Amino acid sequence: MEAPVNNPEWLQMRFCGPDGRGEVLWVQPMNGVYRVLNVPVWQYGISVDSRVKGRPGERWLEFDGLVETSSGATVRIYIPSEAPISPASRLYLERIIPDCRERRIGIGPATFFDPRVVAIHVRVRADWDTRLADYLDELIDEGLLELWEVGDPDAYPPDETEEPAEHRDLVHPRPTPGREEAI
């Protein structure tokens, strides 16, 4: 995976899920398509390094289709409201990164959404449903996680999705050089 560089050519692209949640991610123009640079929180079917199409919008580019999947995946973790390690960002930084480093599971970067949610980039797509899934299930057994879910490679949200509603767009900060890496 390419290391990010603070590039003035990066653009913002808005993605909108079936439940109405908009998410504005940074993308890098590449030969007529765009490479996703942020870890999406609510979007399904895209990850860091996915190649996507975009069209001009009122304020940002608007997502117009997936061109190529990422070599990685996106997994979201949710901690219980009374978690022994809180917030979720602390659990990620102090426990998940060291454990994944020890297990040689490549993760990072991550998006810290709120005190209870972290979206994690898994560097090798096949690891999300094998080694990482087993590890996250162990954290559930320990009471550190309430649940986890895959956002990509799934292209569609689970059957129990929220009804479409008005949501404010989640606008991601510009990526910075020096992403954390587990291995």
C-alpha atoms as a PDB file:
ATOM      1  CA  MET A   1       0.000   0.000   0.000  1.00  0.00           C
ATOM      2  CA  GLU A   2       1.280   3.425  -0.862  1.00  0.00           C
ATOM      3  CA  ALA A   3       2.136   5.766   1.996  1.00  0.00           C
ATOM      4  CA  PRO A   4       0.077   8.950   1.930  1.00  0.00           C
ATOM      5  CA  VAL A   5       1.747  12.168   0.991  1.00  0.00           C
ATOM      6  CA  ASN A   6       0.193  15.514   1.792  1.00  0.00           C
ATOM      7  CA  ASN A   7      -0.856  16.124  -1.812  1.00  0.00           C
ATOM      8  CA  PRO A   8      -2.589  19.341  -2.930  1.00  0.00           C
ATOM      9  CA  GLU A   9      -4.322  17.410  -5.746  1.00  0.00           C
ATOM     10  CA  TRP A  10      -6.408  15.332  -3.338  1.00  0.00           C
ATOM     11  CA  LEU A  11     -10.135  15.918  -3.569  1.00  0.00           C
ATOM     12  CA  GLN A  12     -13.145  15.184  -1.407  1.00  0.00           C
ATOM     13  CA  MET A  13     -15.854  12.784  -2.579  1.00  0.00           C
ATOM     14  CA  ARG A  14     -19.264  12.247  -1.012  1.00  0.00           C
ATOM     15  CA  PHE A  15     -20.593   8.700  -0.673  1.00  0.00           C
ATOM     16  CA  CYS A  16     -24.198   8.088   0.350  1.00  0.00           C
ATOM     17  CA  GLY A  17     -25.506   4.853   1.859  1.00  0.00           C
ATOM     18  CA  PRO A  18     -28.996   3.404   1.460  1.00  0.00           C
ATOM     19  CA  ASP A  19     -29.927   4.707   4.923  1.00  0.00           C
ATOM     20  CA  GLY A  20     -29.166   8.280   3.841  1.00  0.00           C
ATOM     21  CA  ARG A  21     -25.858   8.589   5.681  1.00  0.00           C
ATOM     22  CA  GLY A  22     -23.444  10.705   3.704  1.00  0.00           C
ATOM     23  CA  GLU A  23     -19.735  10.376   4.190  1.00  0.00           C
ATOM     24  CA  VAL A  24     -17.120  12.638   2.622  1.00  0.00           C
ATOM     25  CA  LEU A  25     -13.796  10.897   2.052  1.00  0.00           C
ATOM     26  CA  TRP A  26     -10.538  12.143   0.599  1.00  0.00           C
ATOM     27  CA  VAL A  27      -9.598  10.663  -2.767  1.00  0.00           C
ATOM     28  CA  GLN A  28      -6.555  10.865  -5.012  1.00  0.00           C
ATOM     29  CA  PRO A  29      -7.046  11.314  -8.773  1.00  0.00           C
ATOM     30  CA  MET A  30      -5.393   8.475 -10.725  1.00  0.00           C
ATOM     31  CA  ASN A  31      -5.778   8.056 -14.485  1.00  0.00           C
ATOM     32  CA  GLY A  32      -9.447   9.055 -14.690  1.00  0.00           C
ATOM     33  CA  VAL A  33     -10.517   7.325 -11.470  1.00  0.00           C
ATOM     34  CA  TYR A  34      -9.974   8.062  -7.781  1.00  0.00           C
ATOM     35  CA  ARG A  35      -8.203   6.104  -5.034  1.00  0.00           C
ATOM     36  CA  VAL A  36      -9.941   6.223  -1.628  1.00  0.00           C
ATOM     37  CA  LEU A  37      -7.606   7.520   1.112  1.00  0.00           C
ATOM     38  CA  ASN A  38      -9.752   7.371   4.303  1.00  0.00           C
ATOM     39  CA  VAL A  39     -11.228   4.427   6.176  1.00  0.00           C
ATOM     40  CA  PRO A  40     -14.994   4.779   5.668  1.00  0.00           C
ATOM     41  CA  VAL A  41     -17.168   4.485   8.753  1.00  0.00           C
ATOM     42  CA  TRP A  42     -20.671   3.901   7.380  1.00  0.00           C
ATOM     43  CA  GLN A  43     -20.169   2.982   3.741  1.00  0.00           C
ATOM     44  CA  TYR A  44     -20.299  -0.586   2.496  1.00  0.00           C
ATOM     45  CA  GLY A  45     -18.264  -2.019  -0.369  1.00  0.00           C
ATOM     46  CA  ILE A  46     -15.303   0.405  -0.285  1.00  0.00           C
ATOM     47  CA  SER A  47     -12.061   0.574   1.686  1.00  0.00           C
ATOM     48  CA  VAL A  48      -8.780   2.442   1.670  1.00  0.00           C
ATOM     49  CA  ASP A  49      -7.252   2.019  -1.805  1.00  0.00           C
ATOM     50  CA  SER A  50     -10.557   1.168  -3.555  1.00  0.00           C
ATOM     51  CA  ARG A  51     -10.667   2.730  -7.018  1.00  0.00           C
ATOM     52  CA  VAL A  52     -13.910   4.626  -7.654  1.00  0.00           C
ATOM     53  CA  LYS A  53     -15.579   6.850 -10.225  1.00  0.00           C
ATOM     54  CA  GLY A  54     -16.859  10.290  -9.340  1.00  0.00           C
ATOM     55  CA  ARG A  55     -18.920  13.035 -10.899  1.00  0.00           C
ATOM     56  CA  PRO A  56     -19.048  16.737 -10.073  1.00  0.00           C
ATOM     57  CA  GLY A  57     -21.450  17.681  -7.285  1.00  0.00           C
ATOM     58  CA  GLU A  58     -22.518  20.916  -5.661  1.00  0.00           C
ATOM     59  CA  ARG A  59     -19.794  20.952  -3.031  1.00  0.00           C
ATOM     60  CA  TRP A  60     -17.750  17.759  -3.535  1.00  0.00           C
ATOM     61  CA  LEU A  61     -17.331  15.037  -6.079  1.00  0.00           C
ATOM     62  CA  GLU A  62     -20.170  12.514  -5.832  1.00  0.00           C
ATOM     63  CA  PHE A  63     -19.463   8.770  -5.813  1.00  0.00           C
ATOM     64  CA  ASP A  64     -20.482   7.240  -9.131  1.00  0.00           C
ATOM     65  CA  GLY A  65     -19.424   3.600  -8.833  1.00  0.00           C
ATOM     66  CA  LEU A  66     -16.756   1.154  -7.802  1.00  0.00           C
ATOM     67  CA  VAL A  67     -14.061   0.460 -10.399  1.00  0.00           C
ATOM     68  CA  GLU A  68     -11.694  -1.820  -8.452  1.00  0.00           C
ATOM     69  CA  THR A  69     -11.867  -3.275  -4.975  1.00  0.00           C
ATOM     70  CA  SER A  70      -9.174  -2.626  -2.406  1.00  0.00           C
ATOM     71  CA  SER A  71      -6.611  -5.281  -1.602  1.00  0.00           C
ATOM     72  CA  GLY A  72      -7.669  -4.664   2.005  1.00  0.00           C
ATOM     73  CA  ALA A  73     -10.972  -4.553   3.854  1.00  0.00           C
ATOM     74  CA  THR A  74     -12.876  -2.410   6.358  1.00  0.00           C
ATOM     75  CA  VAL A  75     -14.111  -3.687   9.719  1.00  0.00           C
ATOM     76  CA  ARG A  76     -16.026  -1.648  12.305  1.00  0.00           C
ATOM     77  CA  ILE A  77     -15.794  -2.379  16.010  1.00  0.00           C
ATOM     78  CA  TYR A  78     -18.308  -1.266  18.629  1.00  0.00           C
ATOM     79  CA  ILE A  79     -17.522  -1.261  22.329  1.00  0.00           C
ATOM     80  CA  PRO A  80     -20.167  -1.727  25.048  1.00  0.00           C
ATOM     81  CA  SER A  81     -21.480   1.430  26.736  1.00  0.00           C
ATOM     82  CA  GLU A  82     -19.867   0.264  30.001  1.00  0.00           C
ATOM     83  CA  ALA A  83     -16.678  -1.073  28.389  1.00  0.00           C
ATOM     84  CA  PRO A  84     -13.705  -1.871  30.636  1.00  0.00           C
ATOM     85  CA  ILE A  85     -11.453  -0.027  28.158  1.00  0.00           C
ATOM     86  CA  SER A  86     -13.007   3.166  26.847  1.00  0.00           C
ATOM     87  CA  PRO A  87     -13.194   4.991  24.478  1.00  0.00           C
ATOM     88  CA  ALA A  88     -12.961   2.668  21.466  1.00  0.00           C
ATOM     89  CA  SER A  89      -9.937   4.604  20.199  1.00  0.00           C
ATOM     90  CA  ARG A  90      -8.059   3.694  23.387  1.00  0.00           C
ATOM     91  CA  LEU A  91      -8.940   0.000  22.954  1.00  0.00           C
ATOM     92  CA  TYR A  92      -7.703   0.184  19.361  1.00  0.00           C
ATOM     93  CA  LEU A  93      -4.430   1.938  20.215  1.00  0.00           C
ATOM     94  CA  GLU A  94      -3.565   0.156  23.456  1.00  0.00           C
ATOM     95  CA  ARG A  95      -4.827  -3.366  22.837  1.00  0.00           C
ATOM     96  CA  ILE A  96      -5.796  -4.089  19.227  1.00  0.00           C
ATOM     97  CA  ILE A  97      -2.676  -2.693  17.535  1.00  0.00           C
ATOM     98  CA  PRO A  98      -0.227  -4.528  19.862  1.00  0.00           C
ATOM     99  CA  ASP A  99      -2.238  -7.764  19.680  1.00  0.00           C
ATOM    100  CA  CYS A 100      -2.424  -7.609  15.880  1.00  0.00           C
ATOM    101  CA  ARG A 101       1.288  -6.829  15.682  1.00  0.00           C
ATOM    102  CA  GLU A 102       2.007  -9.907  17.804  1.00  0.00           C
ATOM    103  CA  ARG A 103      -0.316 -12.036  15.631  1.00  0.00           C
ATOM    104  CA  ARG A 104       1.107 -10.506  12.433  1.00  0.00           C
ATOM    105  CA  ILE A 105      -2.272  -9.212  11.265  1.00  0.00           C
ATOM    106  CA  GLY A 106      -1.726  -6.032   9.268  1.00  0.00           C
ATOM    107  CA  ILE A 107      -4.156  -3.282  10.260  1.00  0.00           C
ATOM    108  CA  GLY A 108      -4.314   0.504  10.014  1.00  0.00           C
ATOM    109  CA  PRO A 109      -5.105   3.221   9.414  1.00  0.00           C
ATOM    110  CA  ALA A 110      -8.319   3.632  11.394  1.00  0.00           C
ATOM    111  CA  THR A 111     -11.089   6.188  11.709  1.00  0.00           C
ATOM    112  CA  PHE A 112     -12.209   7.034  15.240  1.00  0.00           C
ATOM    113  CA  PHE A 113     -15.861   7.965  14.848  1.00  0.00           C
ATOM    114  CA  ASP A 114     -17.226   8.388  18.338  1.00  0.00           C
ATOM    115  CA  PRO A 115     -16.353   7.069  21.758  1.00  0.00           C
ATOM    116  CA  ARG A 116     -17.812   3.656  20.895  1.00  0.00           C
ATOM    117  CA  VAL A 117     -16.905   3.078  17.210  1.00  0.00           C
ATOM    118  CA  VAL A 118     -13.662   2.586  15.273  1.00  0.00           C
ATOM    119  CA  ALA A 119     -13.470   1.702  11.571  1.00  0.00           C
ATOM    120  CA  ILE A 120     -10.296  -0.287  10.902  1.00  0.00           C
ATOM    121  CA  HIS A 121      -8.516  -0.946   7.628  1.00  0.00           C
ATOM    122  CA  VAL A 122      -7.348  -4.558   7.321  1.00  0.00           C
ATOM    123  CA  ARG A 123      -4.387  -4.639   4.937  1.00  0.00           C
ATOM    124  CA  VAL A 124      -4.991  -8.138   3.508  1.00  0.00           C
ATOM    125  CA  ARG A 125      -8.611  -8.715   2.505  1.00  0.00           C
ATOM    126  CA  ALA A 126      -8.549 -12.430   3.345  1.00  0.00           C
ATOM    127  CA  ASP A 127      -7.552 -11.647   6.971  1.00  0.00           C
ATOM    128  CA  TRP A 128     -10.876 -10.028   7.940  1.00  0.00           C
ATOM    129  CA  ASP A 129     -12.844 -13.290   7.929  1.00  0.00           C
ATOM    130  CA  THR A 130     -10.100 -15.529   9.215  1.00  0.00           C
ATOM    131  CA  ARG A 131      -7.489 -14.351  11.662  1.00  0.00           C
ATOM    132  CA  LEU A 132      -8.979 -10.945  12.498  1.00  0.00           C
ATOM    133  CA  ALA A 133     -12.511 -12.328  12.895  1.00  0.00           C
ATOM    134  CA  ASP A 134     -11.259 -14.935  15.349  1.00  0.00           C
ATOM    135  CA  TYR A 135      -9.362 -12.279  17.300  1.00  0.00           C
ATOM    136  CA  LEU A 136     -12.346  -9.892  17.434  1.00  0.00           C
ATOM    137  CA  ASP A 137     -14.570 -12.739  18.615  1.00  0.00           C
ATOM    138  CA  GLU A 138     -12.075 -13.259  21.469  1.00  0.00           C
ATOM    139  CA  LEU A 139     -12.485  -9.578  22.415  1.00  0.00           C
ATOM    140  CA  ILE A 140     -16.260 -10.056  22.484  1.00  0.00           C
ATOM    141  CA  ASP A 141     -15.792 -13.050  24.804  1.00  0.00           C
ATOM    142  CA  GLU A 142     -13.624 -10.848  27.073  1.00  0.00           C
ATOM    143  CA  GLY A 143     -16.369  -8.198  27.171  1.00  0.00           C
ATOM    144  CA  LEU A 144     -14.197  -5.596  25.428  1.00  0.00           C
ATOM    145  CA  LEU A 145     -16.303  -5.470  22.247  1.00  0.00           C
ATOM    146  CA  GLU A 146     -20.064  -5.434  21.906  1.00  0.00           C
ATOM    147  CA  LEU A 147     -19.908  -6.441  18.265  1.00  0.00           C
ATOM    148  CA  TRP A 148     -17.969  -6.032  15.063  1.00  0.00           C
ATOM    149  CA  GLU A 149     -19.018  -5.987  11.429  1.00  0.00           C
ATOM    150  CA  VAL A 150     -17.409  -5.936   8.030  1.00  0.00           C
ATOM    151  CA  GLY A 151     -18.085  -2.913   5.833  1.00  0.00           C
ATOM    152  CA  ASP A 152     -16.054  -4.115   2.865  1.00  0.00           C
ATOM    153  CA  PRO A 153     -15.982  -6.596   1.106  1.00  0.00           C
ATOM    154  CA  ASP A 154     -19.736  -6.488   1.836  1.00  0.00           C
ATOM    155  CA  ALA A 155     -21.397  -4.383  -0.816  1.00  0.00           C
ATOM    156  CA  TYR A 156     -24.686  -4.004   1.039  1.00  0.00           C
ATOM    157  CA  PRO A 157     -25.585  -3.268   4.638  1.00  0.00           C
ATOM    158  CA  PRO A 158     -27.145  -5.998   6.770  1.00  0.00           C
ATOM    159  CA  ASP A 159     -30.856  -6.757   6.393  1.00  0.00           C
ATOM    160  CA  GLU A 160     -31.690  -4.870   9.577  1.00  0.00           C
ATOM    161  CA  THR A 161     -30.571  -1.490   8.236  1.00  0.00           C
ATOM    162  CA  GLU A 162     -32.022   1.728   9.520  1.00  0.00           C
ATOM    163  CA  GLU A 163     -34.841   3.324   7.644  1.00  0.00           C
ATOM    164  CA  PRO A 164     -33.654   6.126   5.371  1.00  0.00           C
ATOM    165  CA  ALA A 165     -33.438   9.281   7.431  1.00  0.00           C
ATOM    166  CA  GLU A 166     -31.892  12.702   7.447  1.00  0.00           C
ATOM    167  CA  HIS A 167     -28.261  12.523   8.571  1.00  0.00           C
ATOM    168  CA  ARG A 168     -25.518  15.083   8.572  1.00  0.00           C
ATOM    169  CA  ASP A 169     -22.604  14.185   6.343  1.00  0.00           C
ATOM    170  CA  LEU A 170     -19.591  12.739   8.149  1.00  0.00           C
ATOM    171  CA  VAL A 171     -16.668  14.713   6.729  1.00  0.00           C
ATOM    172  CA  HIS A 172     -13.299  13.000   7.208  1.00  0.00           C
ATOM    173  CA  PRO A 173     -10.145  14.960   7.959  1.00  0.00           C
ATOM    174  CA  ARG A 174      -7.396  15.051   5.395  1.00  0.00           C
ATOM    175  CA  PRO A 175      -5.148  11.952   5.742  1.00  0.00           C
ATOM    176  CA  THR A 176      -1.720  12.599   7.168  1.00  0.00           C
ATOM    177  CA  PRO A 177       1.611  10.914   6.486  1.00  0.00           C
ATOM    178  CA  GLY A 178       2.766   8.297   8.969  1.00  0.00           C
ATOM    179  CA  ARG A 179      -0.257   5.981   9.206  1.00  0.00           C
ATOM    180  CA  GLU A 180       0.067   3.610  12.125  1.00  0.00           C
ATOM    181  CA  GLU A 181       0.856   0.052  11.148  1.00  0.00           C
ATOM    182  CA  ALA A 182       0.443  -3.126  13.120  1.00  0.00           C
ATOM    183  CA  ILE A 183       3.165  -4.990  11.227  1.00  0.00           C
END
